[in-house]
Amino acid sequence: MTAPIVLGVESSCDETGFGIVSEGRLLGQGLASSAARHAEFGGVVPEIAARAHLDVAVPTLQVALADAGVELRDITHVAATSGPGLATAVHVGLAAAKSIAWSLDVPLYGVHHLAGHAAADVLEHGPLPERSIVLIVSGGHTSILAVGDLVRDPIEHLGDTLDDAAGEAFDKVARLLGLGYPGGPVISRAAADGDPTSFSFPRAMLRPQDAPYTFSFSGLKTAVARTVETLERAGESVPVADIAASFEQAVVDVLVTKALRAVQDQGLDTLIIVGGVAANARLRAQAQEHCDALGIDLRIPPPRLCTDNGAMIAAVGDLLVHAGAEPSGLGIAADPSALLHGAQLPLPR
């Protein structure tokens, strides 16, 4: 019997991704980004993102097929992000996935975008452990999850952000410092030459009385803004590298502290960090240092699988196929504000 070959489609924000996975192995992928088109606006413009997805969908699919060394007719299943994300952007990728599934007469699975981030680690490190803590850190989401079998078990939210996600805070601080967009990479580059102890920015929600797994980055962003404003009013130069490094360190301290607390409180031994911010070198290094000291197994996908991509959606599809999940079908609707309770959308009855 031929092994399933799953095509994954991702279009929730400004990356257009197609990935091809079989038996837990990434065969190939294609990825296009419209980030440069949004830079002058300091953030993603939904209609620009949607038009960009339309422009590059077919050539990006062709890149993925060529990279995997397969033909379109070899695809046995299709999986697509059906939420959450920018409404117009999600619709483009989902429509493309429906068209492919219909033309090939193969099953279609709707996938929760955040479950895709968790599944990206499977492509690098193999099956997830029986139980683990997953820290998702991206432009739109910062959450601590308790995860069992990714596609069979309910996903438990231990904590989320009350306001800005970590990636969103990076974007806003980068704009304050005149560094451009997207914020994550430009902050990291600037911080490499800075002193992370130069400014004492707040580490929110770390007091004993605070919710143990809840995040808040809005106050940190405001503290950076006030620092820049104070320096400029005094006629002093703004030490961009030092502010970037101090801001980055504040974010990393909170993320690592709360994630490790969740691992220990739940009596587990594995921490998985995923999402676009998981590509941050300071976060990866500090998490590794603390996990090594505590005897915790740390799993982080390589940077190329941290940002939004089709491979992670294909990975969820591959898991759903092997779990015998019922396909979502061609009638599935986009759900831009979908909550994360399970990997598949809509949730199986």
C-alpha atoms as a PDB file:
ATOM      1  CA  MET A   1       0.000   0.000   0.000  1.00  0.00           C
ATOM      2  CA  THR A   2       1.411   3.395  -0.992  1.00  0.00           C
ATOM      3  CA  ALA A   3       2.249   5.754   1.892  1.00  0.00           C
ATOM      4  CA  PRO A   4       0.032   8.846   2.094  1.00  0.00           C
ATOM      5  CA  ILE A   5       1.519  12.025   0.647  1.00  0.00           C
ATOM      6  CA  VAL A   6      -0.025  15.078   2.291  1.00  0.00           C
ATOM      7  CA  LEU A   7      -0.009  18.588   0.858  1.00  0.00           C
ATOM      8  CA  GLY A   8      -0.273  21.387   3.416  1.00  0.00           C
ATOM      9  CA  VAL A   9      -1.430  24.918   2.583  1.00  0.00           C
ATOM     10  CA  GLU A  10      -0.792  27.955   4.825  1.00  0.00           C
ATOM     11  CA  SER A  11      -1.971  31.526   4.209  1.00  0.00           C
ATOM     12  CA  SER A  12      -3.045  32.903   7.588  1.00  0.00           C
ATOM     13  CA  CYS A  13      -0.929  36.072   7.463  1.00  0.00           C
ATOM     14  CA  ASP A  14       1.806  37.288   5.113  1.00  0.00           C
ATOM     15  CA  GLU A  15       3.488  33.988   4.228  1.00  0.00           C
ATOM     16  CA  THR A  16       2.191  31.746   1.456  1.00  0.00           C
ATOM     17  CA  GLY A  17       3.301  28.205   2.217  1.00  0.00           C
ATOM     18  CA  PHE A  18       2.940  24.808   0.580  1.00  0.00           C
ATOM     19  CA  GLY A  19       4.552  21.768   2.198  1.00  0.00           C
ATOM     20  CA  ILE A  20       4.568  18.078   1.401  1.00  0.00           C
ATOM     21  CA  VAL A  21       4.895  15.469   4.160  1.00  0.00           C
ATOM     22  CA  SER A  22       4.789  11.679   4.147  1.00  0.00           C
ATOM     23  CA  GLU A  23       5.131   9.368   7.153  1.00  0.00           C
ATOM     24  CA  GLY A  24       6.307  12.221   9.380  1.00  0.00           C
ATOM     25  CA  ARG A  25       9.019  13.252   6.935  1.00  0.00           C
ATOM     26  CA  LEU A  26       9.192  16.569   5.129  1.00  0.00           C
ATOM     27  CA  LEU A  27       9.615  15.880   1.427  1.00  0.00           C
ATOM     28  CA  GLY A  28       9.705  19.475   0.248  1.00  0.00           C
ATOM     29  CA  GLN A  29       8.178  22.912   0.575  1.00  0.00           C
ATOM     30  CA  GLY A  30       7.729  26.275  -1.083  1.00  0.00           C
ATOM     31  CA  LEU A  31       7.410  29.559   0.800  1.00  0.00           C
ATOM     32  CA  ALA A  32       6.787  33.137  -0.319  1.00  0.00           C
ATOM     33  CA  SER A  33       6.498  36.205   1.907  1.00  0.00           C
ATOM     34  CA  SER A  34       4.853  39.553   1.292  1.00  0.00           C
ATOM     35  CA  ALA A  35       6.565  41.139   4.336  1.00  0.00           C
ATOM     36  CA  ALA A  36       8.420  43.661   2.174  1.00  0.00           C
ATOM     37  CA  ARG A  37       5.092  45.002   0.868  1.00  0.00           C
ATOM     38  CA  HIS A  38       3.901  45.702   4.407  1.00  0.00           C
ATOM     39  CA  ALA A  39       7.112  47.314   5.686  1.00  0.00           C
ATOM     40  CA  GLU A  40       6.100  50.887   4.870  1.00  0.00           C
ATOM     41  CA  PHE A  41       2.943  50.413   6.964  1.00  0.00           C
ATOM     42  CA  GLY A  42       4.754  48.949   9.968  1.00  0.00           C
ATOM     43  CA  GLY A  43       2.541  45.872  10.007  1.00  0.00           C
ATOM     44  CA  VAL A  44       0.502  43.515   7.869  1.00  0.00           C
ATOM     45  CA  VAL A  45      -2.235  45.028   5.693  1.00  0.00           C
ATOM     46  CA  PRO A  46      -4.844  42.259   5.190  1.00  0.00           C
ATOM     47  CA  GLU A  47      -5.871  43.161   1.628  1.00  0.00           C
ATOM     48  CA  ILE A  48      -2.264  43.425   0.473  1.00  0.00           C
ATOM     49  CA  ALA A  49      -1.543  40.029   2.050  1.00  0.00           C
ATOM     50  CA  ALA A  50      -4.558  38.449   0.357  1.00  0.00           C
ATOM     51  CA  ARG A  51      -3.593  39.778  -3.082  1.00  0.00           C
ATOM     52  CA  ALA A  52      -0.039  38.563  -2.548  1.00  0.00           C
ATOM     53  CA  HIS A  53      -1.318  35.067  -1.741  1.00  0.00           C
ATOM     54  CA  LEU A  54      -3.270  35.090  -5.010  1.00  0.00           C
ATOM     55  CA  ASP A  55      -0.218  36.179  -6.972  1.00  0.00           C
ATOM     56  CA  VAL A  56       2.167  33.539  -5.665  1.00  0.00           C
ATOM     57  CA  ALA A  57      -0.039  30.529  -4.863  1.00  0.00           C
ATOM     58  CA  VAL A  58       0.561  28.597  -8.083  1.00  0.00           C
ATOM     59  CA  PRO A  59       4.326  29.244  -8.420  1.00  0.00           C
ATOM     60  CA  THR A  60       4.859  28.469  -4.705  1.00  0.00           C
ATOM     61  CA  LEU A  61       2.968  25.188  -5.104  1.00  0.00           C
ATOM     62  CA  GLN A  62       5.165  24.366  -8.097  1.00  0.00           C
ATOM     63  CA  VAL A  63       8.294  25.048  -6.025  1.00  0.00           C
ATOM     64  CA  ALA A  64       7.057  22.680  -3.297  1.00  0.00           C
ATOM     65  CA  LEU A  65       6.303  19.889  -5.774  1.00  0.00           C
ATOM     66  CA  ALA A  66       9.694  20.263  -7.440  1.00  0.00           C
ATOM     67  CA  ASP A  67      11.453  20.359  -4.068  1.00  0.00           C
ATOM     68  CA  ALA A  68       9.682  17.159  -3.011  1.00  0.00           C
ATOM     69  CA  GLY A  69      10.241  15.442  -6.354  1.00  0.00           C
ATOM     70  CA  VAL A  70       6.569  14.523  -6.736  1.00  0.00           C
ATOM     71  CA  GLU A  71       3.796  15.366  -9.171  1.00  0.00           C
ATOM     72  CA  LEU A  72       0.511  16.953  -8.168  1.00  0.00           C
ATOM     73  CA  ARG A  73      -1.254  13.696  -9.037  1.00  0.00           C
ATOM     74  CA  ASP A  74       0.830  11.939  -6.350  1.00  0.00           C
ATOM     75  CA  ILE A  75      -0.881  13.916  -3.555  1.00  0.00           C
ATOM     76  CA  THR A  76      -3.245  11.670  -1.582  1.00  0.00           C
ATOM     77  CA  HIS A  77      -4.539  14.164   1.014  1.00  0.00           C
ATOM     78  CA  VAL A  78      -4.714  17.949   1.406  1.00  0.00           C
ATOM     79  CA  ALA A  79      -4.617  19.920   4.664  1.00  0.00           C
ATOM     80  CA  ALA A  80      -5.099  23.681   4.945  1.00  0.00           C
ATOM     81  CA  THR A  81      -5.117  26.353   7.611  1.00  0.00           C
ATOM     82  CA  SER A  82      -8.769  27.266   8.095  1.00  0.00           C
ATOM     83  CA  GLY A  83      -8.138  29.528  11.104  1.00  0.00           C
ATOM     84  CA  PRO A  84      -7.187  31.595  12.943  1.00  0.00           C
ATOM     85  CA  GLY A  85      -5.702  34.402  10.879  1.00  0.00           C
ATOM     86  CA  LEU A  86      -6.543  37.353   8.692  1.00  0.00           C
ATOM     87  CA  ALA A  87      -9.941  36.595   7.176  1.00  0.00           C
ATOM     88  CA  THR A  88      -9.125  37.521   3.585  1.00  0.00           C
ATOM     89  CA  ALA A  89      -5.774  35.735   3.730  1.00  0.00           C
ATOM     90  CA  VAL A  90      -7.169  32.509   5.204  1.00  0.00           C
ATOM     91  CA  HIS A  91      -9.849  32.417   2.505  1.00  0.00           C
ATOM     92  CA  VAL A  92      -7.268  32.464  -0.300  1.00  0.00           C
ATOM     93  CA  GLY A  93      -5.289  29.478   0.954  1.00  0.00           C
ATOM     94  CA  LEU A  94      -8.391  27.525   1.884  1.00  0.00           C
ATOM     95  CA  ALA A  95      -9.887  28.131  -1.569  1.00  0.00           C
ATOM     96  CA  ALA A  96      -6.667  26.926  -3.175  1.00  0.00           C
ATOM     97  CA  ALA A  97      -6.678  23.802  -1.007  1.00  0.00           C
ATOM     98  CA  LYS A  98     -10.314  23.074  -1.856  1.00  0.00           C
ATOM     99  CA  SER A  99      -9.572  23.446  -5.573  1.00  0.00           C
ATOM    100  CA  ILE A 100      -6.662  21.018  -5.379  1.00  0.00           C
ATOM    101  CA  ALA A 101      -8.564  18.485  -3.261  1.00  0.00           C
ATOM    102  CA  TRP A 102     -11.590  18.673  -5.574  1.00  0.00           C
ATOM    103  CA  SER A 103      -9.532  18.315  -8.753  1.00  0.00           C
ATOM    104  CA  LEU A 104      -7.650  15.304  -7.373  1.00  0.00           C
ATOM    105  CA  ASP A 105     -10.719  13.849  -5.626  1.00  0.00           C
ATOM    106  CA  VAL A 106      -8.778  13.468  -2.364  1.00  0.00           C
ATOM    107  CA  PRO A 107      -9.754  14.182   1.273  1.00  0.00           C
ATOM    108  CA  LEU A 108      -9.406  17.688   2.702  1.00  0.00           C
ATOM    109  CA  TYR A 109      -8.606  18.489   6.350  1.00  0.00           C
ATOM    110  CA  GLY A 110      -9.053  21.865   8.003  1.00  0.00           C
ATOM    111  CA  VAL A 111      -6.195  22.585  10.407  1.00  0.00           C
ATOM    112  CA  HIS A 112      -5.833  24.997  13.306  1.00  0.00           C
ATOM    113  CA  HIS A 113      -2.870  27.234  12.551  1.00  0.00           C
ATOM    114  CA  LEU A 114      -1.414  27.018  16.080  1.00  0.00           C
ATOM    115  CA  ALA A 115      -1.564  23.225  16.086  1.00  0.00           C
ATOM    116  CA  GLY A 116       0.515  23.477  12.939  1.00  0.00           C
ATOM    117  CA  HIS A 117       3.241  25.300  14.828  1.00  0.00           C
ATOM    118  CA  ALA A 118       3.318  22.501  17.403  1.00  0.00           C
ATOM    119  CA  ALA A 119       3.460  19.872  14.667  1.00  0.00           C
ATOM    120  CA  ALA A 120       6.434  21.581  13.035  1.00  0.00           C
ATOM    121  CA  ASP A 121       8.601  20.100  15.782  1.00  0.00           C
ATOM    122  CA  VAL A 122       7.564  16.586  14.741  1.00  0.00           C
ATOM    123  CA  LEU A 123       9.281  17.115  11.406  1.00  0.00           C
ATOM    124  CA  GLU A 124      12.580  17.805  13.175  1.00  0.00           C
ATOM    125  CA  HIS A 125      12.529  15.678  16.341  1.00  0.00           C
ATOM    126  CA  GLY A 126      10.000  12.929  15.662  1.00  0.00           C
ATOM    127  CA  PRO A 127       6.753  12.133  17.508  1.00  0.00           C
ATOM    128  CA  LEU A 128       5.791  14.290  20.462  1.00  0.00           C
ATOM    129  CA  PRO A 129       6.128  12.705  23.917  1.00  0.00           C
ATOM    130  CA  GLU A 130       3.071  11.362  25.679  1.00  0.00           C
ATOM    131  CA  ARG A 131       2.664  14.684  27.515  1.00  0.00           C
ATOM    132  CA  SER A 132       4.530  17.962  27.097  1.00  0.00           C
ATOM    133  CA  ILE A 133       4.312  21.714  27.541  1.00  0.00           C
ATOM    134  CA  VAL A 134       4.217  23.749  24.355  1.00  0.00           C
ATOM    135  CA  LEU A 135       5.081  27.448  24.382  1.00  0.00           C
ATOM    136  CA  ILE A 136       3.736  29.118  21.235  1.00  0.00           C
ATOM    137  CA  VAL A 137       5.303  32.517  20.612  1.00  0.00           C
ATOM    138  CA  SER A 138       4.367  34.335  17.435  1.00  0.00           C
ATOM    139  CA  GLY A 139       3.223  37.666  16.062  1.00  0.00           C
ATOM    140  CA  GLY A 140      -0.374  37.089  17.049  1.00  0.00           C
ATOM    141  CA  HIS A 141      -0.220  34.534  19.828  1.00  0.00           C
ATOM    142  CA  THR A 142       1.642  33.817  23.043  1.00  0.00           C
ATOM    143  CA  SER A 143       0.293  30.760  24.838  1.00  0.00           C
ATOM    144  CA  ILE A 144       1.351  27.950  27.139  1.00  0.00           C
ATOM    145  CA  LEU A 145      -0.370  24.681  26.284  1.00  0.00           C
ATOM    146  CA  ALA A 146      -0.489  21.237  27.863  1.00  0.00           C
ATOM    147  CA  VAL A 147      -0.411  18.782  24.966  1.00  0.00           C
ATOM    148  CA  GLY A 148      -0.827  15.031  24.734  1.00  0.00           C
ATOM    149  CA  ASP A 149      -1.490  13.342  21.399  1.00  0.00           C
ATOM    150  CA  LEU A 150      -1.727  16.402  19.182  1.00  0.00           C
ATOM    151  CA  VAL A 151      -4.600  15.172  17.005  1.00  0.00           C
ATOM    152  CA  ARG A 152      -6.434  12.775  19.338  1.00  0.00           C
ATOM    153  CA  ASP A 153      -6.426  14.605  22.663  1.00  0.00           C
ATOM    154  CA  PRO A 154      -7.924  17.980  23.601  1.00  0.00           C
ATOM    155  CA  ILE A 155      -5.357  20.779  23.842  1.00  0.00           C
ATOM    156  CA  GLU A 156      -5.392  22.510  27.235  1.00  0.00           C
ATOM    157  CA  HIS A 157      -4.683  26.239  27.471  1.00  0.00           C
ATOM    158  CA  LEU A 158      -2.756  26.914  30.665  1.00  0.00           C
ATOM    159  CA  GLY A 159      -2.235  30.577  29.883  1.00  0.00           C
ATOM    160  CA  ASP A 160      -2.357  33.194  27.141  1.00  0.00           C
ATOM    161  CA  THR A 161      -1.450  36.836  26.701  1.00  0.00           C
ATOM    162  CA  LEU A 162      -3.784  39.482  28.053  1.00  0.00           C
ATOM    163  CA  ASP A 163      -2.813  42.032  25.405  1.00  0.00           C
ATOM    164  CA  ASP A 164       0.042  42.169  22.903  1.00  0.00           C
ATOM    165  CA  ALA A 165       1.591  38.909  21.813  1.00  0.00           C
ATOM    166  CA  ALA A 166       5.377  38.773  22.092  1.00  0.00           C
ATOM    167  CA  GLY A 167       5.856  39.042  18.340  1.00  0.00           C
ATOM    168  CA  GLU A 168       3.501  42.012  18.199  1.00  0.00           C
ATOM    169  CA  ALA A 169       5.557  43.721  20.913  1.00  0.00           C
ATOM    170  CA  PHE A 170       8.704  43.137  18.832  1.00  0.00           C
ATOM    171  CA  ASP A 171       7.024  44.799  15.838  1.00  0.00           C
ATOM    172  CA  LYS A 172       5.881  47.815  17.853  1.00  0.00           C
ATOM    173  CA  VAL A 173       9.234  48.341  19.572  1.00  0.00           C
ATOM    174  CA  ALA A 174      11.050  48.004  16.259  1.00  0.00           C
ATOM    175  CA  ARG A 175       8.822  50.757  14.895  1.00  0.00           C
ATOM    176  CA  LEU A 176       9.578  52.953  17.940  1.00  0.00           C
ATOM    177  CA  LEU A 177      13.306  52.493  17.335  1.00  0.00           C
ATOM    178  CA  GLY A 178      13.028  53.112  13.597  1.00  0.00           C
ATOM    179  CA  LEU A 179      14.276  49.640  12.743  1.00  0.00           C
ATOM    180  CA  GLY A 180      11.600  48.582  10.283  1.00  0.00           C
ATOM    181  CA  TYR A 181       9.391  45.511   9.854  1.00  0.00           C
ATOM    182  CA  PRO A 182       9.148  42.657  10.709  1.00  0.00           C
ATOM    183  CA  GLY A 183      10.305  43.437  14.230  1.00  0.00           C
ATOM    184  CA  GLY A 184      11.711  40.097  15.364  1.00  0.00           C
ATOM    185  CA  PRO A 185      14.727  39.855  13.039  1.00  0.00           C
ATOM    186  CA  VAL A 186      15.594  43.573  13.144  1.00  0.00           C
ATOM    187  CA  ILE A 187      15.422  43.753  16.940  1.00  0.00           C
ATOM    188  CA  SER A 188      17.661  40.683  17.204  1.00  0.00           C
ATOM    189  CA  ARG A 189      20.229  42.149  14.836  1.00  0.00           C
ATOM    190  CA  ALA A 190      20.293  45.440  16.709  1.00  0.00           C
ATOM    191  CA  ALA A 191      20.424  43.694  20.096  1.00  0.00           C
ATOM    192  CA  ALA A 192      23.515  41.725  19.107  1.00  0.00           C
ATOM    193  CA  ASP A 193      25.601  44.883  19.621  1.00  0.00           C
ATOM    194  CA  GLY A 194      23.776  46.031  22.768  1.00  0.00           C
ATOM    195  CA  ASP A 195      23.990  45.536  26.516  1.00  0.00           C
ATOM    196  CA  PRO A 196      20.874  43.735  27.842  1.00  0.00           C
ATOM    197  CA  THR A 197      21.457  45.209  31.315  1.00  0.00           C
ATOM    198  CA  SER A 198      21.502  48.846  30.164  1.00  0.00           C
ATOM    199  CA  PHE A 199      17.818  49.450  30.852  1.00  0.00           C
ATOM    200  CA  SER A 200      15.665  47.843  33.536  1.00  0.00           C
ATOM    201  CA  PHE A 201      12.437  47.211  31.656  1.00  0.00           C
ATOM    202  CA  PRO A 202       9.499  45.545  33.457  1.00  0.00           C
ATOM    203  CA  ARG A 203       8.962  41.775  33.592  1.00  0.00           C
ATOM    204  CA  ALA A 204       5.180  41.685  33.828  1.00  0.00           C
ATOM    205  CA  MET A 205       3.050  39.050  35.551  1.00  0.00           C
ATOM    206  CA  LEU A 206       5.901  37.494  37.546  1.00  0.00           C
ATOM    207  CA  ARG A 207       4.710  38.467  41.029  1.00  0.00           C
ATOM    208  CA  PRO A 208       3.536  35.625  43.325  1.00  0.00           C
ATOM    209  CA  GLN A 209      -0.068  36.850  43.156  1.00  0.00           C
ATOM    210  CA  ASP A 210      -0.129  36.980  39.330  1.00  0.00           C
ATOM    211  CA  ALA A 211      -1.656  34.250  37.171  1.00  0.00           C
ATOM    212  CA  PRO A 212       1.250  31.808  36.792  1.00  0.00           C
ATOM    213  CA  TYR A 213       1.058  31.215  33.036  1.00  0.00           C
ATOM    214  CA  THR A 214      -0.475  34.474  31.790  1.00  0.00           C
ATOM    215  CA  PHE A 215       1.505  37.013  29.761  1.00  0.00           C
ATOM    216  CA  SER A 216       1.311  40.764  29.247  1.00  0.00           C
ATOM    217  CA  PHE A 217       3.677  42.729  27.017  1.00  0.00           C
ATOM    218  CA  SER A 218       1.774  45.987  26.601  1.00  0.00           C
ATOM    219  CA  GLY A 219       3.428  47.595  29.644  1.00  0.00           C
ATOM    220  CA  LEU A 220       6.867  46.613  28.407  1.00  0.00           C
ATOM    221  CA  LYS A 221       6.170  48.238  25.053  1.00  0.00           C
ATOM    222  CA  THR A 222       4.986  51.390  26.843  1.00  0.00           C
ATOM    223  CA  ALA A 223       8.123  51.454  29.016  1.00  0.00           C
ATOM    224  CA  VAL A 224      10.295  51.376  25.904  1.00  0.00           C
ATOM    225  CA  ALA A 225       8.238  54.175  24.328  1.00  0.00           C
ATOM    226  CA  ARG A 226       8.588  56.356  27.430  1.00  0.00           C
ATOM    227  CA  THR A 227      12.331  55.734  27.571  1.00  0.00           C
ATOM    228  CA  VAL A 228      12.765  56.793  23.948  1.00  0.00           C
ATOM    229  CA  GLU A 229      10.545  59.844  24.470  1.00  0.00           C
ATOM    230  CA  THR A 230      12.481  60.915  27.589  1.00  0.00           C
ATOM    231  CA  LEU A 231      15.822  60.632  25.829  1.00  0.00           C
ATOM    232  CA  GLU A 232      14.633  62.568  22.793  1.00  0.00           C
ATOM    233  CA  ARG A 233      13.119  65.351  24.920  1.00  0.00           C
ATOM    234  CA  ALA A 234      16.425  65.708  26.739  1.00  0.00           C
ATOM    235  CA  GLY A 235      18.201  66.044  23.417  1.00  0.00           C
ATOM    236  CA  GLU A 236      20.142  62.823  23.999  1.00  0.00           C
ATOM    237  CA  SER A 237      20.848  60.202  21.368  1.00  0.00           C
ATOM    238  CA  VAL A 238      18.810  57.024  21.602  1.00  0.00           C
ATOM    239  CA  PRO A 239      21.074  53.987  22.217  1.00  0.00           C
ATOM    240  CA  VAL A 240      19.152  51.713  19.882  1.00  0.00           C
ATOM    241  CA  ALA A 241      21.293  48.620  20.391  1.00  0.00           C
ATOM    242  CA  ASP A 242      21.124  48.803  24.190  1.00  0.00           C
ATOM    243  CA  ILE A 243      17.368  49.409  24.229  1.00  0.00           C
ATOM    244  CA  ALA A 244      16.796  46.569  21.763  1.00  0.00           C
ATOM    245  CA  ALA A 245      18.929  44.188  23.844  1.00  0.00           C
ATOM    246  CA  SER A 246      17.267  45.201  27.118  1.00  0.00           C
ATOM    247  CA  PHE A 247      13.796  44.846  25.608  1.00  0.00           C
ATOM    248  CA  GLU A 248      14.627  41.470  24.075  1.00  0.00           C
ATOM    249  CA  GLN A 249      16.035  40.225  27.395  1.00  0.00           C
ATOM    250  CA  ALA A 250      12.870  41.296  29.240  1.00  0.00           C
ATOM    251  CA  VAL A 251      10.686  39.331  26.826  1.00  0.00           C
ATOM    252  CA  VAL A 252      12.906  36.258  27.002  1.00  0.00           C
ATOM    253  CA  ASP A 253      13.048  36.299  30.812  1.00  0.00           C
ATOM    254  CA  VAL A 254       9.260  36.211  31.079  1.00  0.00           C
ATOM    255  CA  LEU A 255       8.779  33.570  28.377  1.00  0.00           C
ATOM    256  CA  VAL A 256      11.363  31.184  29.819  1.00  0.00           C
ATOM    257  CA  THR A 257      10.328  31.668  33.447  1.00  0.00           C
ATOM    258  CA  LYS A 258       6.655  30.944  32.826  1.00  0.00           C
ATOM    259  CA  ALA A 259       7.238  28.060  30.421  1.00  0.00           C
ATOM    260  CA  LEU A 260       9.603  26.286  32.829  1.00  0.00           C
ATOM    261  CA  ARG A 261       7.176  26.897  35.688  1.00  0.00           C
ATOM    262  CA  ALA A 262       4.476  25.118  33.679  1.00  0.00           C
ATOM    263  CA  VAL A 263       6.727  22.132  32.979  1.00  0.00           C
ATOM    264  CA  GLN A 264       7.601  21.749  36.644  1.00  0.00           C
ATOM    265  CA  ASP A 265       4.087  22.377  37.952  1.00  0.00           C
ATOM    266  CA  GLN A 266       2.665  19.759  35.603  1.00  0.00           C
ATOM    267  CA  GLY A 267       5.320  17.218  36.579  1.00  0.00           C
ATOM    268  CA  LEU A 268       6.587  16.881  33.001  1.00  0.00           C
ATOM    269  CA  ASP A 269      10.054  16.746  31.482  1.00  0.00           C
ATOM    270  CA  THR A 270       9.667  18.208  27.990  1.00  0.00           C
ATOM    271  CA  LEU A 271       9.313  21.806  26.804  1.00  0.00           C
ATOM    272  CA  ILE A 272       8.595  22.554  23.156  1.00  0.00           C
ATOM    273  CA  ILE A 273       8.946  26.148  21.911  1.00  0.00           C
ATOM    274  CA  VAL A 274       7.425  26.991  18.534  1.00  0.00           C
ATOM    275  CA  GLY A 275       6.237  29.968  16.491  1.00  0.00           C
ATOM    276  CA  GLY A 276       8.040  32.803  14.754  1.00  0.00           C
ATOM    277  CA  VAL A 277       9.666  34.184  17.914  1.00  0.00           C
ATOM    278  CA  ALA A 278      11.127  30.728  18.589  1.00  0.00           C
ATOM    279  CA  ALA A 279      13.698  31.628  15.925  1.00  0.00           C
ATOM    280  CA  ASN A 280      15.121  34.247  18.315  1.00  0.00           C
ATOM    281  CA  ALA A 281      18.691  33.312  19.223  1.00  0.00           C
ATOM    282  CA  ARG A 282      18.566  34.784  22.742  1.00  0.00           C
ATOM    283  CA  LEU A 283      15.378  32.857  23.542  1.00  0.00           C
ATOM    284  CA  ARG A 284      16.826  29.607  22.215  1.00  0.00           C
ATOM    285  CA  ALA A 285      20.072  30.006  24.145  1.00  0.00           C
ATOM    286  CA  GLN A 286      18.503  31.012  27.459  1.00  0.00           C
ATOM    287  CA  ALA A 287      15.851  28.298  27.270  1.00  0.00           C
ATOM    288  CA  GLN A 288      18.532  25.705  26.575  1.00  0.00           C
ATOM    289  CA  GLU A 289      20.677  26.893  29.462  1.00  0.00           C
ATOM    290  CA  HIS A 290      17.821  26.718  31.970  1.00  0.00           C
ATOM    291  CA  CYS A 291      16.461  23.413  30.651  1.00  0.00           C
ATOM    292  CA  ASP A 292      19.907  21.826  30.904  1.00  0.00           C
ATOM    293  CA  ALA A 293      20.201  23.002  34.504  1.00  0.00           C
ATOM    294  CA  LEU A 294      16.792  21.532  35.400  1.00  0.00           C
ATOM    295  CA  GLY A 295      17.086  18.280  33.429  1.00  0.00           C
ATOM    296  CA  ILE A 296      14.275  19.266  31.063  1.00  0.00           C
ATOM    297  CA  ASP A 297      14.297  18.126  27.443  1.00  0.00           C
ATOM    298  CA  LEU A 298      14.020  21.184  25.184  1.00  0.00           C
ATOM    299  CA  ARG A 299      12.703  20.830  21.651  1.00  0.00           C
ATOM    300  CA  ILE A 300      12.698  23.785  19.228  1.00  0.00           C
ATOM    301  CA  PRO A 301      12.320  23.398  15.452  1.00  0.00           C
ATOM    302  CA  PRO A 302      14.982  24.969  13.225  1.00  0.00           C
ATOM    303  CA  PRO A 303      14.280  28.617  12.332  1.00  0.00           C
ATOM    304  CA  ARG A 304      13.030  27.696   8.847  1.00  0.00           C
ATOM    305  CA  LEU A 305      10.153  25.773  10.469  1.00  0.00           C
ATOM    306  CA  CYS A 306       9.372  28.389  13.140  1.00  0.00           C
ATOM    307  CA  THR A 307       7.793  31.015  10.918  1.00  0.00           C
ATOM    308  CA  ASP A 308       4.491  30.283   9.178  1.00  0.00           C
ATOM    309  CA  ASN A 309       4.908  27.576   6.529  1.00  0.00           C
ATOM    310  CA  GLY A 310       2.989  24.897   4.677  1.00  0.00           C
ATOM    311  CA  ALA A 311       5.145  22.084   6.028  1.00  0.00           C
ATOM    312  CA  MET A 312       3.705  22.433   9.525  1.00  0.00           C
ATOM    313  CA  ILE A 313       0.149  22.224   8.175  1.00  0.00           C
ATOM    314  CA  ALA A 314       1.068  19.156   6.144  1.00  0.00           C
ATOM    315  CA  ALA A 315       2.529  17.641   9.321  1.00  0.00           C
ATOM    316  CA  VAL A 316      -0.838  17.992  11.078  1.00  0.00           C
ATOM    317  CA  GLY A 317      -2.562  16.513   8.035  1.00  0.00           C
ATOM    318  CA  ASP A 318      -0.183  13.560   8.096  1.00  0.00           C
ATOM    319  CA  LEU A 319      -0.966  12.959  11.773  1.00  0.00           C
ATOM    320  CA  LEU A 320      -4.715  13.199  11.105  1.00  0.00           C
ATOM    321  CA  VAL A 321      -4.495  10.692   8.261  1.00  0.00           C
ATOM    322  CA  HIS A 322      -2.624   8.181  10.417  1.00  0.00           C
ATOM    323  CA  ALA A 323      -5.075   8.725  13.279  1.00  0.00           C
ATOM    324  CA  GLY A 324      -7.951   7.792  10.968  1.00  0.00           C
ATOM    325  CA  ALA A 325      -9.607  11.199  11.403  1.00  0.00           C
ATOM    326  CA  GLU A 326     -12.672  11.938   9.312  1.00  0.00           C
ATOM    327  CA  PRO A 327     -11.892  14.583   6.666  1.00  0.00           C
ATOM    328  CA  SER A 328     -13.342  18.052   7.144  1.00  0.00           C
ATOM    329  CA  GLY A 329     -14.702  18.067   3.604  1.00  0.00           C
ATOM    330  CA  LEU A 330     -14.990  20.683   0.870  1.00  0.00           C
ATOM    331  CA  GLY A 331     -17.741  22.532   2.725  1.00  0.00           C
ATOM    332  CA  ILE A 332     -15.428  23.675   5.518  1.00  0.00           C
ATOM    333  CA  ALA A 333     -15.540  27.412   6.184  1.00  0.00           C
ATOM    334  CA  ALA A 334     -12.722  29.716   7.189  1.00  0.00           C
ATOM    335  CA  ASP A 335     -12.738  30.556  10.896  1.00  0.00           C
ATOM    336  CA  PRO A 336     -10.469  33.608  11.333  1.00  0.00           C
ATOM    337  CA  SER A 337     -10.956  33.714  15.118  1.00  0.00           C
ATOM    338  CA  ALA A 338     -10.852  29.976  15.794  1.00  0.00           C
ATOM    339  CA  LEU A 339      -9.990  29.021  19.362  1.00  0.00           C
ATOM    340  CA  LEU A 340      -7.477  26.244  19.895  1.00  0.00           C
ATOM    341  CA  HIS A 341      -9.118  23.183  21.376  1.00  0.00           C
ATOM    342  CA  GLY A 342      -7.927  20.605  18.871  1.00  0.00           C
ATOM    343  CA  ALA A 343      -5.750  20.289  15.801  1.00  0.00           C
ATOM    344  CA  GLN A 344      -8.559  19.808  13.314  1.00  0.00           C
ATOM    345  CA  LEU A 345     -11.168  22.365  12.266  1.00  0.00           C
ATOM    346  CA  PRO A 346     -14.024  22.089  12.699  1.00  0.00           C
ATOM    347  CA  LEU A 347     -13.664  19.926  15.798  1.00  0.00           C
ATOM    348  CA  PRO A 348     -14.747  16.313  15.177  1.00  0.00           C
ATOM    349  CA  ARG A 349     -18.100  15.467  16.716  1.00  0.00           C
END
